[in-house]
Amino acid sequence: MEAPLESAGPLPEVRETRSAPPARLSVFNILTNFHIGGTERQVANLALRMDSARFDLHLACLRESGELLDELKSLELPRPEFRIGSLYSLRTLREAVRMIRYLRGHRIQIVHSYGIYPNIFAVPLAKVAGVPVIIASIRDRGDILSPWQRHLQKYVCRLADCVLVNADSIKDTLIEQGYPRDKIFIIPNGVVPPKPLPRRSGDSIREELGIPASAPIVLVFSRLNPMKGVEYFLEAATQVSTRHPEVRFVIAGDGRIRQELENYAGHLGISQRVIFTGFRTDLPDLLEQAALSVLPSLSEGLSNSILEAMAAGVPVIATDIGGNPEIVEHNVTGLLVPVRDSAALAQAMNRMFDEPGTRAAFGAAGRRRIATSFSMERSVESVQSLYERLYQQAERKGRTR
């Protein structure tokens, strides 16, 4: 019986195989869209760095929209769109037939889907099309999914050769839900170091946001939805403001509950100290001005906002949930606080401002941790090695073409 794929730790190098993989493996990646988010950023970074001598990449989506499309313009690769409707609509049926024809016509050897809707749509179609290797990616704990969505995704993932996750906490959750342990493989997110491009001056950013030059900034960079726990951050900010009235709280991001959060800040009496910036593309500039980065999530996979803050040397406070403890080492690279505990979050922020030496040490330790454990190069090579290993396993089983 063939040994199962390793389900944790670094991907071992494949040394003994019956035959080498083809000169280039034809890979079909599919995600929902290209709006800025953790999954979308990781897929874009993978596409930009994939070895074209080893892989012929097709980058598909369900909606060709989003800010990341500008970054992908330089890539000369197929980018098909499969604009599905509801799962049972005639449009979805037409797009399903078109995808099967696409996979067969381009002799796709690996299909890799990211997220619940691409998983549900693409995995069964890849099976019908006879694709040798099928990978489904799950990058969150599914807390916002309905029971039927969780059930359907689990059923569909039985058809995949591998379920790729980015955190131990997600693997543990899937095992609890009944996913086979030996099908789950972990590859953490990677972070790209900031490009040495001209930056806006700190004065211009602060002037735009109405923040005094001497005011320390606490940054939350997040989509604004109920699972991000921003209301607890606002409650903590009221307590911090009493002790450190000079601090300003910047919430960078947008989402369906933004107006509710702005209203809540007004109710708490801190509207003058809280700045809602809306969607931003200048995170490196904001991080350059930040004294502290906070992620108050109620649920989390492996947070890109934490990784990017630590890569910039900004100390982090995050909730002790999901994959956050896999990035933030408590009292070494930052602080972890209980979920939904605004008092504990306020206490952690106050400590950071009371102890500037500790804040600086956490920032430096976080930068080192990202460089050694979460580099984009390491993440991309792990994915590429996974593709080649799974294809060789399929080849030994006689499933290749």
Protein backbone atom coordinates (compact mmCIF):
# COMPACT_ATOMS: atom_id res chain seq x y z
CA MET A 1 0.00 0.00 0.00
CA GLU A 2 1.36 3.40 -0.94
CA ALA A 3 2.28 5.70 1.93
CA PRO A 4 -0.12 8.63 2.30
CA LEU A 5 0.92 12.19 1.66
CA GLU A 6 2.57 13.84 4.63
CA SER A 7 -0.01 15.93 6.48
CA ALA A 8 2.22 18.27 8.46
CA GLY A 9 5.69 19.75 8.49
CA PRO A 10 7.86 20.71 5.53
CA LEU A 11 7.24 18.88 2.30
CA PRO A 12 9.97 16.24 1.86
CA GLU A 13 11.93 16.21 -1.36
CA VAL A 14 10.86 13.49 -3.77
CA ARG A 15 13.95 11.42 -4.62
CA GLU A 16 12.75 8.02 -5.78
CA THR A 17 10.07 7.97 -8.45
CA ARG A 18 9.28 5.64 -11.30
CA SER A 19 9.45 8.46 -13.78
CA ALA A 20 10.03 12.18 -13.73
CA PRO A 21 7.02 14.48 -14.12
CA PRO A 22 6.43 16.02 -17.53
CA ALA A 23 8.65 18.94 -18.50
CA ARG A 24 5.75 21.25 -17.58
CA LEU A 25 2.70 20.31 -15.58
CA SER A 26 -0.52 21.98 -16.72
CA VAL A 27 -2.08 23.56 -13.61
CA PHE A 28 -5.54 25.12 -13.31
CA ASN A 29 -6.01 27.36 -10.25
CA ILE A 30 -9.47 28.78 -9.56
CA LEU A 31 -10.69 31.27 -6.97
CA THR A 32 -13.79 33.41 -6.56
CA ASN A 33 -12.39 36.83 -7.55
CA PHE A 34 -9.33 39.07 -7.25
CA HIS A 35 -10.46 41.48 -4.55
CA ILE A 36 -7.89 42.02 -1.83
CA GLY A 37 -8.12 39.35 0.86
CA GLY A 38 -5.86 36.76 2.42
CA THR A 39 -6.66 33.96 -0.02
CA GLU A 40 -6.68 36.21 -3.07
CA ARG A 41 -3.33 37.72 -2.11
CA GLN A 42 -1.76 34.29 -1.67
CA VAL A 43 -3.06 33.04 -5.04
CA ALA A 44 -1.80 36.18 -6.79
CA ASN A 45 1.62 35.85 -5.17
CA LEU A 46 1.79 32.20 -6.19
CA ALA A 47 0.87 33.05 -9.79
CA LEU A 48 3.49 35.80 -9.95
CA ARG A 49 6.24 33.48 -8.68
CA MET A 50 5.39 30.07 -10.12
CA ASP A 51 8.25 28.51 -12.09
CA SER A 52 7.14 28.68 -15.73
CA ALA A 53 9.76 26.08 -16.66
CA ARG A 54 7.97 23.55 -14.43
CA PHE A 55 4.33 24.66 -14.70
CA ASP A 56 1.90 25.90 -17.33
CA LEU A 57 -0.52 27.90 -15.18
CA HIS A 58 -4.16 28.68 -16.01
CA LEU A 59 -5.59 31.19 -13.51
CA ALA A 60 -9.40 30.97 -13.46
CA CYS A 61 -12.07 32.73 -11.44
CA LEU A 62 -15.82 32.96 -10.94
CA ARG A 63 -15.82 36.77 -11.25
CA GLU A 64 -13.03 38.63 -13.03
CA SER A 65 -12.99 41.64 -10.77
CA GLY A 66 -10.81 43.03 -8.03
CA GLU A 67 -7.84 45.22 -7.22
CA LEU A 68 -5.27 42.44 -7.65
CA LEU A 69 -5.94 42.19 -11.40
CA ASP A 70 -3.59 45.14 -11.96
CA GLU A 71 -0.72 43.17 -10.42
CA LEU A 72 -1.42 40.20 -12.69
CA LYS A 73 -1.44 42.15 -15.96
CA SER A 74 2.22 41.33 -16.58
CA LEU A 75 1.52 37.58 -16.65
CA GLU A 76 1.02 36.03 -20.05
CA LEU A 77 -1.23 33.17 -19.05
CA PRO A 78 -4.83 32.08 -19.67
CA ARG A 79 -7.35 33.63 -17.26
CA PRO A 80 -10.74 32.03 -18.00
CA GLU A 81 -13.84 33.22 -16.16
CA PHE A 82 -16.69 30.86 -15.26
CA ARG A 83 -19.49 33.17 -14.25
CA ILE A 84 -21.83 30.83 -12.42
CA GLY A 85 -25.17 31.68 -10.84
CA SER A 86 -26.89 29.58 -8.20
CA LEU A 87 -25.80 25.95 -8.05
CA TYR A 88 -28.97 24.75 -9.79
CA SER A 89 -29.32 27.44 -12.46
CA LEU A 90 -29.13 26.87 -16.21
CA ARG A 91 -26.24 29.32 -16.36
CA THR A 92 -24.23 27.22 -13.89
CA LEU A 93 -24.95 24.10 -15.93
CA ARG A 94 -23.65 25.82 -19.10
CA GLU A 95 -20.54 26.99 -17.28
CA ALA A 96 -19.99 23.48 -15.90
CA VAL A 97 -20.04 22.01 -19.40
CA ARG A 98 -17.68 24.74 -20.56
CA MET A 99 -15.25 24.00 -17.71
CA ILE A 100 -15.20 20.27 -18.46
CA ARG A 101 -14.42 21.05 -22.10
CA TYR A 102 -11.72 23.52 -21.02
CA LEU A 103 -10.03 21.03 -18.69
CA ARG A 104 -10.07 18.31 -21.33
CA GLY A 105 -9.15 20.58 -24.23
CA HIS A 106 -6.11 21.99 -22.44
CA ARG A 107 -5.16 18.60 -21.01
CA ILE A 108 -5.09 20.01 -17.47
CA GLN A 109 -3.16 17.74 -15.11
CA ILE A 110 -3.76 19.51 -11.79
CA VAL A 111 -6.83 21.42 -10.63
CA HIS A 112 -6.43 23.49 -7.47
CA SER A 113 -9.50 25.33 -6.14
CA TYR A 114 -9.56 27.94 -3.37
CA GLY A 115 -12.61 28.57 -1.19
CA ILE A 116 -16.05 27.09 -0.78
CA TYR A 117 -17.67 28.08 -4.08
CA PRO A 118 -14.69 27.18 -6.29
CA ASN A 119 -14.36 23.92 -4.32
CA ILE A 120 -18.02 22.99 -4.75
CA PHE A 121 -18.03 23.95 -8.43
CA ALA A 122 -14.63 22.86 -9.72
CA VAL A 123 -13.73 19.70 -7.77
CA PRO A 124 -16.56 17.49 -9.11
CA LEU A 125 -16.07 18.83 -12.64
CA ALA A 126 -12.36 18.06 -12.50
CA LYS A 127 -13.28 14.50 -11.50
CA VAL A 128 -15.70 14.20 -14.44
CA ALA A 129 -13.08 15.63 -16.80
CA GLY A 130 -10.57 12.99 -15.69
CA VAL A 131 -8.00 15.41 -14.26
CA PRO A 132 -5.26 13.29 -12.59
CA VAL A 133 -4.73 15.51 -9.52
CA ILE A 134 -7.40 17.50 -7.69
CA ILE A 135 -6.63 19.80 -4.74
CA ALA A 136 -9.20 21.69 -2.65
CA SER A 137 -8.08 24.54 -0.41
CA ILE A 138 -9.87 25.47 2.81
CA ARG A 139 -8.40 28.53 4.47
CA ASP A 140 -10.80 29.28 7.33
CA ARG A 141 -12.64 27.36 10.05
CA GLY A 142 -16.00 27.75 8.34
CA ASP A 143 -17.63 29.67 11.18
CA ILE A 144 -19.70 31.78 8.78
CA LEU A 145 -20.88 28.80 6.71
CA SER A 146 -24.34 27.31 7.07
CA PRO A 147 -24.61 23.62 8.03
CA TRP A 148 -25.56 22.66 4.46
CA GLN A 149 -22.55 24.53 3.08
CA ARG A 150 -20.20 22.70 5.46
CA HIS A 151 -21.79 19.37 4.58
CA LEU A 152 -21.64 19.97 0.83
CA GLN A 153 -18.02 21.11 0.95
CA LYS A 154 -17.04 18.04 2.99
CA TYR A 155 -18.82 15.77 0.52
CA VAL A 156 -17.12 17.43 -2.46
CA CYS A 157 -13.69 17.27 -0.83
CA ARG A 158 -13.95 13.48 -0.71
CA LEU A 159 -13.34 13.64 -4.47
CA ALA A 160 -10.09 15.57 -4.03
CA ASP A 161 -6.67 13.97 -3.66
CA CYS A 162 -5.64 16.56 -1.10
CA VAL A 163 -7.25 19.23 1.08
CA LEU A 164 -4.72 22.02 1.49
CA VAL A 165 -4.98 24.28 4.55
CA ASN A 166 -2.76 27.05 5.88
CA ALA A 167 -2.95 26.49 9.64
CA ASP A 168 -2.93 23.67 12.19
CA SER A 169 -6.15 25.03 13.67
CA ILE A 170 -7.97 24.56 10.37
CA LYS A 171 -6.64 21.02 10.04
CA ASP A 172 -7.87 20.23 13.55
CA THR A 173 -11.30 21.70 12.77
CA LEU A 174 -11.63 19.65 9.58
CA ILE A 175 -10.65 16.44 11.37
CA GLU A 176 -13.33 17.16 14.00
CA GLN A 177 -15.82 17.57 11.15
CA GLY A 178 -14.90 14.16 9.73
CA TYR A 179 -12.35 14.91 7.02
CA PRO A 180 -9.74 12.14 6.58
CA ARG A 181 -6.58 13.13 8.42
CA ASP A 182 -4.23 11.74 5.75
CA LYS A 183 -5.78 13.93 3.04
CA ILE A 184 -5.02 17.21 4.82
CA PHE A 185 -1.76 19.01 4.14
CA ILE A 186 -0.58 22.27 5.71
CA ILE A 187 1.33 24.98 3.87
CA PRO A 188 1.37 28.29 5.79
CA ASN A 189 0.91 31.64 4.06
CA GLY A 190 3.96 33.49 2.90
CA VAL A 191 4.72 37.20 3.07
CA VAL A 192 6.36 39.29 0.37
CA PRO A 193 8.81 41.89 1.73
CA PRO A 194 7.71 45.45 0.92
CA LYS A 195 9.01 46.69 -2.43
CA PRO A 196 11.54 49.54 -2.29
CA LEU A 197 9.14 51.99 -3.96
CA PRO A 198 8.77 55.68 -3.18
CA ARG A 199 6.59 56.01 -0.12
CA ARG A 200 4.29 58.80 0.89
CA SER A 201 5.71 60.81 3.72
CA GLY A 202 4.32 60.20 7.16
CA ASP A 203 3.29 63.85 7.33
CA SER A 204 1.11 63.54 4.23
CA ILE A 205 -0.63 60.40 5.50
CA ARG A 206 -1.25 61.93 8.91
CA GLU A 207 -2.48 65.14 7.35
CA GLU A 208 -4.90 63.19 5.13
CA LEU A 209 -6.25 61.26 8.11
CA GLY A 210 -6.26 64.23 10.49
CA ILE A 211 -3.77 62.69 12.92
CA PRO A 212 -1.27 64.89 14.82
CA ALA A 213 2.39 64.21 14.06
CA SER A 214 3.09 63.17 17.65
CA ALA A 215 0.08 60.87 18.09
CA PRO A 216 0.81 57.11 18.30
CA ILE A 217 -1.34 55.08 15.89
CA VAL A 218 -3.03 51.75 16.60
CA LEU A 219 -3.91 50.08 13.29
CA VAL A 220 -6.62 47.53 12.54
CA PHE A 221 -6.40 46.33 8.93
CA SER A 222 -9.39 44.13 8.20
CA ARG A 223 -12.55 43.52 6.28
CA LEU A 224 -15.44 44.88 8.30
CA ASN A 225 -17.72 41.94 8.96
CA PRO A 226 -19.14 40.52 12.20
CA MET A 227 -16.41 37.87 12.56
CA LYS A 228 -13.62 40.47 12.83
CA GLY A 229 -14.62 41.62 16.34
CA VAL A 230 -14.01 45.31 15.65
CA GLU A 231 -16.71 46.36 18.12
CA TYR A 232 -14.56 44.89 20.94
CA PHE A 233 -11.61 46.88 19.65
CA LEU A 234 -13.72 50.06 19.85
CA GLU A 235 -14.72 49.23 23.41
CA ALA A 236 -11.05 48.69 24.29
CA ALA A 237 -10.16 51.98 22.60
CA THR A 238 -12.43 53.87 25.01
CA GLN A 239 -10.44 52.48 27.94
CA VAL A 240 -7.06 53.17 26.32
CA SER A 241 -8.12 56.73 25.50
CA THR A 242 -8.67 57.44 29.20
CA ARG A 243 -5.07 56.51 30.01
CA HIS A 244 -3.44 57.57 26.73
CA PRO A 245 -5.58 60.35 25.24
CA GLU A 246 -2.96 61.10 22.58
CA VAL A 247 -3.42 57.69 20.84
CA ARG A 248 -5.40 57.50 17.59
CA PHE A 249 -7.12 54.35 16.32
CA VAL A 250 -7.11 53.72 12.57
CA ILE A 251 -9.46 51.11 11.09
CA ALA A 252 -8.38 50.44 7.50
CA GLY A 253 -10.83 48.36 5.50
CA ASP A 254 -14.41 48.26 4.38
CA GLY A 255 -17.40 45.98 4.63
CA ARG A 256 -21.10 45.70 5.23
CA ILE A 257 -21.04 46.71 8.90
CA ARG A 258 -18.85 49.79 8.53
CA GLN A 259 -21.71 52.21 9.21
CA GLU A 260 -22.76 50.23 12.29
CA LEU A 261 -19.21 50.42 13.63
CA GLU A 262 -18.97 54.16 12.95
CA ASN A 263 -22.25 54.64 14.79
CA TYR A 264 -20.96 52.53 17.68
CA ALA A 265 -17.80 54.64 17.93
CA GLY A 266 -20.06 57.69 18.19
CA HIS A 267 -22.15 56.00 20.86
CA LEU A 268 -18.97 55.26 22.85
CA GLY A 269 -17.88 58.90 22.53
CA ILE A 270 -14.60 58.23 20.72
CA SER A 271 -15.42 59.37 17.17
CA GLN A 272 -12.73 62.06 17.37
CA ARG A 273 -10.06 59.45 18.10
CA VAL A 274 -11.14 56.72 15.64
CA ILE A 275 -10.52 57.05 11.90
CA PHE A 276 -12.32 54.76 9.46
CA THR A 277 -10.29 55.01 6.27
CA GLY A 278 -12.27 52.64 4.05
CA PHE A 279 -10.48 50.37 1.60
CA ARG A 280 -6.74 51.14 1.27
CA THR A 281 -3.99 49.92 -0.99
CA ASP A 282 -1.16 51.63 0.93
CA LEU A 283 -0.82 49.22 3.84
CA PRO A 284 3.01 49.51 3.90
CA ASP A 285 2.71 53.28 4.34
CA LEU A 286 0.17 52.88 7.14
CA LEU A 287 2.31 50.25 8.87
CA GLU A 288 5.29 52.59 8.69
CA GLN A 289 3.33 55.03 10.84
CA ALA A 290 1.77 52.46 13.20
CA ALA A 291 3.00 51.95 16.75
CA LEU A 292 0.84 48.87 17.14
CA SER A 293 -1.29 46.51 15.03
CA VAL A 294 -4.39 44.81 16.46
CA LEU A 295 -6.49 41.93 15.14
CA PRO A 296 -9.56 41.36 17.37
CA SER A 297 -11.06 38.51 15.29
CA LEU A 298 -13.67 36.10 16.61
CA SER A 299 -12.53 33.50 14.07
CA GLU A 300 -9.37 33.32 12.00
CA GLY A 301 -7.36 31.07 9.74
CA LEU A 302 -3.84 32.31 9.18
CA SER A 303 -4.08 36.09 9.06
CA ASN A 304 -2.24 37.99 6.35
CA SER A 305 -2.68 41.23 8.28
CA ILE A 306 -0.74 39.78 11.23
CA LEU A 307 1.98 38.46 8.93
CA GLU A 308 2.34 41.77 7.12
CA ALA A 309 2.45 43.77 10.35
CA MET A 310 5.13 41.51 11.81
CA ALA A 311 7.11 41.61 8.56
CA ALA A 312 7.13 45.41 8.88
CA GLY A 313 8.41 45.19 12.45
CA VAL A 314 5.14 46.41 14.00
CA PRO A 315 4.24 44.69 17.30
CA VAL A 316 0.95 42.80 17.25
CA ILE A 317 -1.91 42.13 19.62
CA ALA A 318 -4.31 39.43 18.42
CA THR A 319 -7.06 37.27 19.82
CA ASP A 320 -6.08 33.79 20.93
CA ILE A 321 -8.11 32.05 18.23
CA GLY A 322 -7.59 29.95 15.10
CA GLY A 323 -4.18 30.31 13.53
CA ASN A 324 -3.21 33.46 15.43
CA PRO A 325 -1.16 31.57 18.08
CA GLU A 326 0.70 29.84 15.23
CA ILE A 327 2.07 33.23 14.18
CA VAL A 328 2.17 35.32 17.35
CA GLU A 329 4.31 33.88 20.14
CA HIS A 330 2.84 35.37 23.29
CA ASN A 331 5.19 37.70 25.14
CA VAL A 332 7.87 37.21 22.46
CA THR A 333 6.57 38.56 19.15
CA GLY A 334 3.37 40.11 20.51
CA LEU A 335 0.47 39.53 22.84
CA LEU A 336 -2.54 37.21 22.66
CA VAL A 337 -5.82 38.08 24.37
CA PRO A 338 -9.09 36.18 24.86
CA VAL A 339 -11.82 36.53 22.25
CA ARG A 340 -14.59 39.10 22.98
CA ASP A 341 -12.65 40.49 25.95
CA SER A 342 -12.37 44.23 25.44
CA ALA A 343 -10.91 44.73 28.94
CA ALA A 344 -8.04 42.32 28.25
CA LEU A 345 -7.45 43.95 24.86
CA ALA A 346 -7.33 47.40 26.48
CA GLN A 347 -4.92 46.12 29.14
CA ALA A 348 -2.63 44.71 26.42
CA MET A 349 -2.66 47.98 24.46
CA ASN A 350 -1.97 50.02 27.60
CA ARG A 351 0.97 47.75 28.41
CA MET A 352 2.42 48.32 24.95
CA PHE A 353 2.27 52.10 25.40
CA ASP A 354 3.50 51.95 28.99
CA GLU A 355 6.52 49.82 27.95
CA PRO A 356 8.03 51.22 24.72
CA GLY A 357 11.07 48.96 25.13
CA THR A 358 8.86 45.86 25.15
CA ARG A 359 6.98 47.17 22.12
CA ALA A 360 10.24 47.59 20.19
CA ALA A 361 11.50 44.14 21.21
CA PHE A 362 8.26 42.49 20.09
CA GLY A 363 8.46 44.27 16.74
CA ALA A 364 12.03 43.14 16.10
CA ALA A 365 11.27 39.55 17.16
CA GLY A 366 8.22 39.46 14.90
CA ARG A 367 10.21 40.59 11.89
CA ARG A 368 12.76 37.81 12.49
CA ARG A 369 10.01 35.20 12.85
CA ILE A 370 8.43 36.12 9.53
CA ALA A 371 11.78 36.02 7.74
CA THR A 372 12.57 32.52 9.02
CA SER A 373 9.15 30.82 8.98
CA PHE A 374 6.76 32.64 6.63
CA SER A 375 8.68 33.69 3.54
CA MET A 376 6.82 33.74 0.24
CA GLU A 377 9.63 31.81 -1.45
CA ARG A 378 9.21 28.95 1.03
CA SER A 379 5.44 28.93 0.58
CA VAL A 380 5.59 28.93 -3.23
CA GLU A 381 8.17 26.15 -3.39
CA SER A 382 6.11 24.05 -0.97
CA VAL A 383 3.07 24.37 -3.25
CA GLN A 384 5.11 23.53 -6.34
CA SER A 385 6.64 20.49 -4.67
CA LEU A 386 3.19 19.36 -3.57
CA TYR A 387 1.94 19.57 -7.17
CA GLU A 388 4.82 17.44 -8.43
CA ARG A 389 4.54 14.86 -5.68
CA LEU A 390 0.79 14.41 -6.12
CA TYR A 391 1.22 14.07 -9.88
CA GLN A 392 3.84 11.38 -9.41
CA GLN A 393 1.52 9.51 -7.04
CA ALA A 394 -1.24 9.72 -9.67
CA GLU A 395 1.20 8.50 -12.29
CA ARG A 396 2.09 5.45 -10.23
CA LYS A 397 -1.61 4.68 -9.93
CA GLY A 398 -2.06 4.89 -13.70
CA ARG A 399 -4.30 7.99 -13.59
CA THR A 400 -2.16 10.27 -15.73
CA ARG A 401 -2.60 10.90 -19.43
